[in-house]
Amino acid sequence: MTNISLKLAETISSSGIKSVYGEPVVIDGTTLVPVAAVQFGFGAGTGSDSEDGPGGAGGGGVSIPFGAYVSDADGVRFRPNLITLLAVGIPFLWVAGHAWSRVIRALKK
């Protein structure tokens, strides 16, 4: 069972983002190349002593789409995924603002 998990992990992780989104897409002369953070995790188990003893396996993955590179007659540009940008940006700004207020408070003393 472990060999199956390792082979599956190698196959998926070697193809990276292509395993989630596929190849770049060409629509009416415009090429779209997706940009995302892709992470996979796999696990396996073994039996105790018997040939048909307990076993197990598992796997999972996550993909966070950041946007796409768009290539057309105007050139190549990055088009961000606004939902992901907000989901990452709002907590980042909160933490940065909180840290900045602490720095200012420390400098005033």
N, C-alpha and C. Protein backbone atom coordinates (compact mmCIF):
# COMPACT_ATOMS: atom_id res chain seq x y z
N MET A 1 0.83 -1.19 0.00
CA MET A 1 0.00 0.00 0.00
C MET A 1 0.87 1.25 0.00
N THR A 2 2.00 1.19 0.68
CA THR A 2 2.89 2.34 0.75
C THR A 2 3.41 2.70 -0.63
N ASN A 3 3.72 1.71 -1.44
CA ASN A 3 4.23 1.98 -2.78
C ASN A 3 3.20 2.70 -3.64
N ILE A 4 1.93 2.37 -3.49
CA ILE A 4 0.87 3.04 -4.25
C ILE A 4 0.79 4.51 -3.83
N SER A 5 0.86 4.77 -2.53
CA SER A 5 0.80 6.15 -2.03
C SER A 5 1.99 6.96 -2.52
N LEU A 6 3.19 6.37 -2.47
CA LEU A 6 4.37 7.08 -2.94
C LEU A 6 4.30 7.38 -4.43
N LYS A 7 3.85 6.41 -5.20
CA LYS A 7 3.74 6.61 -6.65
C LYS A 7 2.72 7.70 -6.96
N LEU A 8 1.58 7.69 -6.27
CA LEU A 8 0.56 8.71 -6.47
C LEU A 8 1.08 10.08 -6.08
N ALA A 9 1.78 10.17 -4.96
CA ALA A 9 2.34 11.45 -4.51
C ALA A 9 3.36 11.99 -5.51
N GLU A 10 4.22 11.13 -6.03
CA GLU A 10 5.21 11.56 -7.02
C GLU A 10 4.55 12.03 -8.31
N THR A 11 3.52 11.31 -8.74
CA THR A 11 2.83 11.68 -9.97
C THR A 11 2.16 13.04 -9.86
N ILE A 12 1.45 13.27 -8.78
CA ILE A 12 0.72 14.52 -8.63
C ILE A 12 1.67 15.68 -8.36
N SER A 13 2.64 15.49 -7.48
CA SER A 13 3.53 16.60 -7.14
C SER A 13 4.47 16.96 -8.28
N SER A 14 4.78 16.04 -9.17
CA SER A 14 5.67 16.37 -10.28
C SER A 14 4.97 17.24 -11.32
N SER A 15 3.64 17.11 -11.44
CA SER A 15 2.94 17.92 -12.42
C SER A 15 2.44 19.23 -11.84
N GLY A 16 2.45 19.39 -10.52
CA GLY A 16 2.14 20.65 -9.87
C GLY A 16 0.80 21.24 -10.25
N ILE A 17 0.83 22.48 -10.70
CA ILE A 17 -0.40 23.21 -11.01
C ILE A 17 -1.14 22.60 -12.19
N LYS A 18 -0.43 21.91 -13.08
CA LYS A 18 -1.10 21.29 -14.22
C LYS A 18 -2.09 20.22 -13.77
N SER A 19 -1.82 19.60 -12.61
CA SER A 19 -2.75 18.59 -12.13
C SER A 19 -4.05 19.21 -11.62
N VAL A 20 -4.04 20.49 -11.30
CA VAL A 20 -5.23 21.16 -10.81
C VAL A 20 -5.95 21.90 -11.94
N TYR A 21 -5.23 22.66 -12.73
CA TYR A 21 -5.84 23.53 -13.73
C TYR A 21 -5.65 23.07 -15.16
N GLY A 22 -4.76 22.14 -15.42
CA GLY A 22 -4.53 21.70 -16.78
C GLY A 22 -3.51 22.59 -17.48
N GLU A 23 -3.45 22.46 -18.77
CA GLU A 23 -2.52 23.24 -19.60
C GLU A 23 -3.03 24.67 -19.78
N PRO A 24 -2.13 25.61 -20.16
CA PRO A 24 -2.61 26.96 -20.49
C PRO A 24 -3.68 26.91 -21.58
N VAL A 25 -4.63 27.83 -21.50
CA VAL A 25 -5.77 27.83 -22.40
C VAL A 25 -5.63 28.97 -23.39
N VAL A 26 -5.93 28.69 -24.68
CA VAL A 26 -5.91 29.73 -25.71
C VAL A 26 -7.35 29.95 -26.17
N ILE A 27 -7.84 31.20 -26.00
CA ILE A 27 -9.20 31.55 -26.42
C ILE A 27 -9.12 32.79 -27.30
N ASP A 28 -9.51 32.67 -28.55
CA ASP A 28 -9.52 33.79 -29.51
C ASP A 28 -8.19 34.53 -29.55
N GLY A 29 -7.08 33.81 -29.57
CA GLY A 29 -5.77 34.42 -29.65
C GLY A 29 -5.22 34.92 -28.33
N THR A 30 -5.95 34.75 -27.24
CA THR A 30 -5.50 35.16 -25.90
C THR A 30 -5.13 33.92 -25.11
N THR A 31 -3.92 33.90 -24.57
CA THR A 31 -3.45 32.76 -23.79
C THR A 31 -3.60 33.08 -22.31
N LEU A 32 -4.21 32.15 -21.57
CA LEU A 32 -4.39 32.27 -20.13
C LEU A 32 -3.55 31.20 -19.44
N VAL A 33 -2.67 31.64 -18.52
CA VAL A 33 -1.85 30.72 -17.75
C VAL A 33 -2.21 30.91 -16.28
N PRO A 34 -2.85 29.91 -15.63
CA PRO A 34 -3.25 30.06 -14.24
C PRO A 34 -2.06 30.10 -13.29
N VAL A 35 -2.20 30.88 -12.21
CA VAL A 35 -1.17 30.99 -11.18
C VAL A 35 -1.84 30.64 -9.85
N ALA A 36 -1.30 29.64 -9.16
CA ALA A 36 -1.90 29.20 -7.90
C ALA A 36 -0.86 28.55 -7.02
N ALA A 37 -1.12 28.54 -5.74
CA ALA A 37 -0.31 27.77 -4.79
C ALA A 37 -1.00 26.42 -4.62
N VAL A 38 -0.26 25.36 -4.88
CA VAL A 38 -0.82 24.01 -4.83
C VAL A 38 -0.05 23.21 -3.79
N GLN A 39 -0.78 22.51 -2.92
CA GLN A 39 -0.15 21.70 -1.89
C GLN A 39 -0.89 20.37 -1.78
N PHE A 40 -0.13 19.30 -1.69
CA PHE A 40 -0.70 17.97 -1.56
C PHE A 40 -0.13 17.29 -0.32
N GLY A 41 -0.89 16.40 0.27
CA GLY A 41 -0.41 15.61 1.39
C GLY A 41 -0.91 14.18 1.27
N PHE A 42 -0.07 13.24 1.58
CA PHE A 42 -0.43 11.83 1.47
C PHE A 42 0.04 11.08 2.71
N GLY A 43 -0.62 9.98 2.99
CA GLY A 43 -0.22 9.14 4.11
C GLY A 43 -0.55 7.69 3.81
N ALA A 44 0.01 6.80 4.57
CA ALA A 44 -0.25 5.38 4.39
C ALA A 44 -0.06 4.68 5.73
N GLY A 45 -0.56 3.49 5.82
CA GLY A 45 -0.41 2.70 7.04
C GLY A 45 -0.04 1.28 6.70
N THR A 46 0.29 0.50 7.71
CA THR A 46 0.64 -0.89 7.49
C THR A 46 -0.10 -1.76 8.48
N GLY A 47 -0.13 -3.04 8.20
CA GLY A 47 -0.73 -3.99 9.11
C GLY A 47 0.21 -4.32 10.25
N SER A 48 -0.31 -4.98 11.27
CA SER A 48 0.54 -5.31 12.41
C SER A 48 1.48 -6.47 12.04
N ASP A 49 0.98 -7.71 12.05
CA ASP A 49 1.83 -8.84 11.72
C ASP A 49 1.25 -9.71 10.61
N SER A 50 -0.03 -9.67 10.43
CA SER A 50 -0.65 -10.57 9.45
C SER A 50 -0.61 -9.98 8.04
N GLU A 51 -0.74 -10.88 7.07
CA GLU A 51 -0.73 -10.48 5.65
C GLU A 51 -1.92 -9.58 5.32
N ASP A 52 -3.09 -9.91 5.85
CA ASP A 52 -4.31 -9.14 5.57
C ASP A 52 -4.70 -8.27 6.76
N GLY A 53 -3.74 -7.87 7.56
CA GLY A 53 -4.02 -7.09 8.76
C GLY A 53 -4.48 -5.68 8.44
N PRO A 54 -4.63 -4.89 9.47
CA PRO A 54 -5.11 -3.51 9.27
C PRO A 54 -4.18 -2.72 8.36
N GLY A 55 -4.72 -1.77 7.66
CA GLY A 55 -3.95 -0.92 6.76
C GLY A 55 -4.59 0.44 6.71
N GLY A 56 -4.22 1.22 5.77
CA GLY A 56 -4.82 2.53 5.62
C GLY A 56 -4.08 3.36 4.60
N ALA A 57 -4.72 4.39 4.17
CA ALA A 57 -4.11 5.34 3.23
C ALA A 57 -4.94 6.60 3.27
N GLY A 58 -4.39 7.66 2.82
CA GLY A 58 -5.13 8.90 2.78
C GLY A 58 -4.41 9.92 1.93
N GLY A 59 -5.11 10.93 1.56
CA GLY A 59 -4.50 11.98 0.77
C GLY A 59 -5.41 13.19 0.73
N GLY A 60 -4.86 14.27 0.34
CA GLY A 60 -5.65 15.48 0.23
C GLY A 60 -4.83 16.57 -0.44
N GLY A 61 -5.49 17.63 -0.79
CA GLY A 61 -4.79 18.72 -1.44
C GLY A 61 -5.57 20.01 -1.33
N VAL A 62 -4.87 21.09 -1.59
CA VAL A 62 -5.50 22.40 -1.59
C VAL A 62 -4.87 23.23 -2.71
N SER A 63 -5.67 24.07 -3.31
CA SER A 63 -5.21 24.95 -4.36
C SER A 63 -5.76 26.35 -4.09
N ILE A 64 -4.88 27.34 -4.04
CA ILE A 64 -5.30 28.72 -3.81
C ILE A 64 -5.00 29.50 -5.09
N PRO A 65 -6.04 29.86 -5.85
CA PRO A 65 -5.81 30.57 -7.12
C PRO A 65 -5.46 32.03 -6.88
N PHE A 66 -4.30 32.45 -7.37
CA PHE A 66 -3.88 33.84 -7.24
C PHE A 66 -4.33 34.69 -8.42
N GLY A 67 -4.50 34.07 -9.57
CA GLY A 67 -4.89 34.82 -10.76
C GLY A 67 -4.39 34.10 -12.00
N ALA A 68 -4.14 34.88 -13.05
CA ALA A 68 -3.67 34.30 -14.30
C ALA A 68 -2.83 35.30 -15.06
N TYR A 69 -1.86 34.79 -15.79
CA TYR A 69 -1.13 35.61 -16.75
C TYR A 69 -1.93 35.58 -18.04
N VAL A 70 -2.17 36.76 -18.60
CA VAL A 70 -2.95 36.88 -19.83
C VAL A 70 -2.02 37.44 -20.89
N SER A 71 -1.90 36.71 -22.00
CA SER A 71 -1.06 37.13 -23.11
C SER A 71 -1.95 37.36 -24.33
N ASP A 72 -1.97 38.61 -24.82
CA ASP A 72 -2.75 38.93 -26.01
C ASP A 72 -1.98 39.97 -26.83
N ALA A 73 -2.66 40.67 -27.73
CA ALA A 73 -2.01 41.65 -28.60
C ALA A 73 -1.41 42.80 -27.80
N ASP A 74 -1.94 43.11 -26.63
CA ASP A 74 -1.43 44.20 -25.79
C ASP A 74 -0.19 43.82 -25.00
N GLY A 75 0.17 42.56 -24.96
CA GLY A 75 1.31 42.09 -24.20
C GLY A 75 0.89 41.10 -23.13
N VAL A 76 1.80 40.86 -22.19
CA VAL A 76 1.54 39.93 -21.10
C VAL A 76 1.31 40.73 -19.82
N ARG A 77 0.24 40.40 -19.11
CA ARG A 77 -0.04 41.07 -17.84
C ARG A 77 -0.64 40.05 -16.88
N PHE A 78 -0.53 40.38 -15.59
CA PHE A 78 -1.08 39.51 -14.56
C PHE A 78 -2.45 40.04 -14.16
N ARG A 79 -3.45 39.16 -14.15
CA ARG A 79 -4.80 39.52 -13.71
C ARG A 79 -5.07 38.79 -12.40
N PRO A 80 -5.12 39.52 -11.27
CA PRO A 80 -5.29 38.84 -9.97
C PRO A 80 -6.72 38.35 -9.76
N ASN A 81 -6.85 37.33 -8.92
CA ASN A 81 -8.15 36.85 -8.46
C ASN A 81 -8.52 37.75 -7.28
N LEU A 82 -9.53 38.59 -7.46
CA LEU A 82 -9.86 39.59 -6.45
C LEU A 82 -10.33 38.98 -5.14
N ILE A 83 -11.02 37.86 -5.19
CA ILE A 83 -11.49 37.22 -3.96
C ILE A 83 -10.31 36.74 -3.12
N THR A 84 -9.34 36.10 -3.76
CA THR A 84 -8.15 35.65 -3.04
C THR A 84 -7.35 36.84 -2.54
N LEU A 85 -7.26 37.88 -3.35
CA LEU A 85 -6.54 39.08 -2.94
C LEU A 85 -7.16 39.69 -1.68
N LEU A 86 -8.48 39.76 -1.61
CA LEU A 86 -9.15 40.27 -0.42
C LEU A 86 -8.98 39.33 0.77
N ALA A 87 -9.09 38.03 0.52
CA ALA A 87 -8.98 37.05 1.61
C ALA A 87 -7.59 37.07 2.24
N VAL A 88 -6.57 37.38 1.47
CA VAL A 88 -5.21 37.46 1.99
C VAL A 88 -4.90 38.88 2.47
N GLY A 89 -5.37 39.87 1.74
CA GLY A 89 -5.02 41.26 2.01
C GLY A 89 -5.60 41.81 3.30
N ILE A 90 -6.85 41.51 3.58
CA ILE A 90 -7.50 42.07 4.77
C ILE A 90 -6.82 41.60 6.06
N PRO A 91 -6.59 40.30 6.27
CA PRO A 91 -5.86 39.90 7.48
C PRO A 91 -4.43 40.45 7.53
N PHE A 92 -3.77 40.53 6.38
CA PHE A 92 -2.41 41.07 6.34
C PHE A 92 -2.40 42.52 6.78
N LEU A 93 -3.33 43.33 6.26
CA LEU A 93 -3.40 44.73 6.65
C LEU A 93 -3.72 44.89 8.13
N TRP A 94 -4.58 44.03 8.66
CA TRP A 94 -4.91 44.11 10.09
C TRP A 94 -3.68 43.84 10.94
N VAL A 95 -2.95 42.77 10.61
CA VAL A 95 -1.74 42.42 11.37
C VAL A 95 -0.69 43.51 11.22
N ALA A 96 -0.50 44.03 9.99
CA ALA A 96 0.49 45.08 9.78
C ALA A 96 0.11 46.34 10.55
N GLY A 97 -1.16 46.71 10.57
CA GLY A 97 -1.60 47.88 11.31
C GLY A 97 -1.42 47.70 12.81
N HIS A 98 -1.73 46.52 13.30
CA HIS A 98 -1.56 46.23 14.72
C HIS A 98 -0.08 46.30 15.11
N ALA A 99 0.78 45.73 14.28
CA ALA A 99 2.22 45.77 14.55
C ALA A 99 2.75 47.21 14.48
N TRP A 100 2.28 47.97 13.51
CA TRP A 100 2.72 49.35 13.35
C TRP A 100 2.32 50.20 14.57
N SER A 101 1.10 49.97 15.10
CA SER A 101 0.66 50.72 16.27
C SER A 101 1.53 50.38 17.48
N ARG A 102 1.95 49.14 17.60
CA ARG A 102 2.83 48.75 18.70
C ARG A 102 4.21 49.40 18.57
N VAL A 103 4.71 49.51 17.34
CA VAL A 103 6.01 50.15 17.11
C VAL A 103 5.92 51.62 17.50
N ILE A 104 4.86 52.28 17.07
CA ILE A 104 4.68 53.71 17.39
C ILE A 104 4.56 53.89 18.90
N ARG A 105 3.79 53.03 19.56
CA ARG A 105 3.63 53.10 21.01
C ARG A 105 4.97 52.91 21.73
N ALA A 106 5.80 52.00 21.23
CA ALA A 106 7.11 51.75 21.83
C ALA A 106 8.06 52.92 21.61
N LEU A 107 7.96 53.57 20.46
CA LEU A 107 8.83 54.71 20.18
C LEU A 107 8.46 55.95 20.99
N LYS A 108 7.21 56.07 21.38
CA LYS A 108 6.77 57.22 22.17
C LYS A 108 7.28 57.16 23.60
N LYS A 109 7.59 55.98 24.11
CA LYS A 109 8.05 55.84 25.50
C LYS A 109 9.45 56.26 25.68
